[in-house]
């Protein structure tokens, strides 16, 4: 297994840009767009953050020693605290996505209900007062 195969799964937003070249979100700082580039060459993974993060900071953020950038490292054991932090961030992101999905579905259902009620009021099938009373009952007001 090459260094690239070991380290790329630890990064987020990885996208291949060529033979043995990738871009990703820099793990050492908040990144909305990929500002981190890496290239595998001659048995080592070369890294560059366009925002200015050092290789040491990037490796620390991923939880690996700098020596892990080479195919024959002396030590490649990831830092457990950094791994826990990364797992916590991933869990938080999954929760955020699920919450956004739930809220979006709730808003779609409310919009559909409002549309039906408006049509019923306009058609004279429901009075405006009865509409407000029904909405108060549903929303607990």
Protein backbone atom coordinates (compact mmCIF):
# COMPACT_ATOMS: atom_id res chain seq x y z
CA UNK A 1 0.00 0.00 0.00
CA UNK A 2 1.41 3.37 -0.99
CA UNK A 3 1.48 6.45 1.18
CA UNK A 4 -1.21 8.04 -0.98
CA UNK A 5 -3.51 5.03 -0.49
CA UNK A 6 -3.05 5.29 3.29
CA UNK A 7 -3.46 9.07 3.65
CA UNK A 8 -6.06 10.10 1.04
CA UNK A 9 -8.94 8.35 2.92
CA UNK A 10 -8.13 10.56 5.93
CA UNK A 11 -8.88 13.73 3.92
CA UNK A 12 -12.26 15.21 2.97
CA UNK A 13 -13.39 16.45 -0.42
CA UNK A 14 -10.68 14.53 -2.28
CA UNK A 15 -10.82 14.85 -6.05
CA UNK A 16 -8.35 13.39 -8.54
CA UNK A 17 -6.81 16.00 -10.88
CA UNK A 18 -4.40 13.80 -12.79
CA UNK A 19 -2.05 10.86 -12.52
CA UNK A 20 -1.04 10.66 -8.85
CA UNK A 21 -2.40 14.19 -8.21
CA UNK A 22 -5.33 15.24 -6.00
CA UNK A 23 -6.95 18.28 -4.45
CA UNK A 24 -8.88 18.24 -1.16
CA UNK A 25 -10.10 20.40 1.68
CA UNK A 26 -7.15 21.27 3.89
CA UNK A 27 -7.50 19.44 7.22
CA UNK A 28 -5.49 22.11 9.05
CA UNK A 29 -8.00 24.95 8.58
CA UNK A 30 -11.70 25.53 7.82
CA UNK A 31 -12.08 25.03 4.12
CA UNK A 32 -15.16 25.53 1.94
CA UNK A 33 -13.32 24.89 -1.32
CA UNK A 34 -10.30 22.67 -1.89
CA UNK A 35 -7.17 24.65 -1.08
CA UNK A 36 -4.93 21.64 -0.55
CA UNK A 37 -3.02 19.81 -3.28
CA UNK A 38 -0.99 16.66 -3.04
CA UNK A 39 1.01 14.53 -5.42
CA UNK A 40 2.49 11.07 -5.05
CA UNK A 41 6.00 10.85 -6.50
CA UNK A 42 9.06 8.70 -5.87
CA UNK A 43 7.63 6.90 -2.85
CA UNK A 44 6.42 9.97 -0.99
CA UNK A 45 3.35 12.18 -0.79
CA UNK A 46 4.06 15.84 -1.47
CA UNK A 47 1.59 18.31 0.07
CA UNK A 48 0.83 21.99 -0.39
CA UNK A 49 -1.85 24.18 1.20
CA UNK A 50 -2.54 27.33 -0.80
CA UNK A 51 -3.75 29.06 2.38
CA UNK A 52 -0.28 28.63 3.89
CA UNK A 53 -0.66 25.73 6.34
CA UNK A 54 2.59 23.91 7.02
CA UNK A 55 3.09 20.22 6.29
CA UNK A 56 3.53 19.67 10.03
CA UNK A 57 0.15 21.32 10.76
CA UNK A 58 -1.55 19.28 8.03
CA UNK A 59 -0.08 16.01 9.33
CA UNK A 60 -1.05 16.91 12.90
CA UNK A 61 -4.61 17.67 11.82
CA UNK A 62 -4.89 14.28 10.10
CA UNK A 63 -3.23 12.57 13.07
CA UNK A 64 -0.10 11.23 11.41
CA UNK A 65 3.59 11.98 11.83
CA UNK A 66 5.43 13.68 8.96
CA UNK A 67 7.37 10.44 8.45
CA UNK A 68 4.09 8.81 7.30
CA UNK A 69 4.37 10.77 4.05
CA UNK A 70 7.01 8.29 2.90
CA UNK A 71 6.36 4.72 1.70
CA UNK A 72 8.85 3.37 4.24
CA UNK A 73 7.95 5.36 7.36
CA UNK A 74 9.35 4.63 10.77
CA UNK A 75 6.02 5.22 12.50
CA UNK A 76 2.54 5.55 10.99
CA UNK A 77 0.27 5.16 14.01
CA UNK A 78 -2.39 7.88 13.85
CA UNK A 79 -3.03 10.08 16.84
CA UNK A 80 -6.16 8.68 18.57
CA UNK A 81 -7.28 12.13 19.77
CA UNK A 82 -7.22 13.48 16.21
CA UNK A 83 -9.09 10.41 14.96
CA UNK A 84 -11.79 10.95 17.62
CA UNK A 85 -12.02 14.61 16.65
CA UNK A 86 -12.39 13.70 12.96
CA UNK A 87 -15.07 11.09 13.78
CA UNK A 88 -16.93 13.65 15.90
CA UNK A 89 -16.86 16.17 13.05
CA UNK A 90 -18.12 13.56 10.60
CA UNK A 91 -20.94 12.60 12.99
CA UNK A 92 -21.88 16.23 13.48
CA UNK A 93 -21.98 16.75 9.71
CA UNK A 94 -24.23 13.68 9.25
CA UNK A 95 -26.57 14.99 11.98
CA UNK A 96 -26.64 18.45 10.36
CA UNK A 97 -27.53 16.99 6.97
CA UNK A 98 -30.30 14.84 8.49
CA UNK A 99 -31.69 17.83 10.39
CA UNK A 100 -31.70 19.98 7.26
CA UNK A 101 -33.53 17.22 5.40
CA UNK A 102 -36.11 16.89 8.20
CA UNK A 103 -36.75 20.64 8.32
CA UNK A 104 -37.04 20.83 4.52
CA UNK A 105 -39.62 18.03 4.49
CA UNK A 106 -41.57 19.72 7.29
CA UNK A 107 -41.61 23.02 5.37
CA UNK A 108 -42.76 21.28 2.18
CA UNK A 109 -45.65 19.67 4.08
CA UNK A 110 -46.65 23.01 5.61
CA UNK A 111 -46.52 24.72 2.22
CA UNK A 112 -48.75 22.02 0.73
CA UNK A 113 -51.22 22.39 3.61
CA UNK A 114 -51.32 26.19 3.21
CA UNK A 115 -51.96 25.82 -0.51
CA UNK A 116 -54.89 23.45 0.07
CA UNK A 117 -56.39 25.70 2.76
CA UNK A 118 -56.05 28.80 0.56
CA UNK A 119 -57.84 27.03 -2.29
CA UNK A 120 -60.62 25.89 0.05
CA UNK A 121 -61.08 29.42 1.44
CA UNK A 122 -61.13 30.89 -2.09
CA UNK A 123 -63.66 28.26 -3.23
CA UNK A 124 -65.88 29.05 -0.23
CA UNK A 125 -65.56 25.51 1.17
CA UNK A 126 -63.95 26.81 4.36
CA UNK A 127 -64.42 30.10 6.17
CA UNK A 128 -61.46 32.18 7.15
CA UNK A 129 -62.41 31.90 10.83
CA UNK A 130 -62.66 28.10 10.65
CA UNK A 131 -59.30 28.09 8.89
CA UNK A 132 -57.62 30.04 11.69
CA UNK A 133 -59.26 27.84 14.33
CA UNK A 134 -58.04 24.67 12.57
CA UNK A 135 -54.52 26.03 12.24
CA UNK A 136 -54.52 27.01 15.93
CA UNK A 137 -55.56 23.45 16.87
CA UNK A 138 -52.86 21.89 14.68
CA UNK A 139 -50.04 24.16 15.80
CA UNK A 140 -51.04 24.17 19.47
CA UNK A 141 -51.51 27.93 19.66
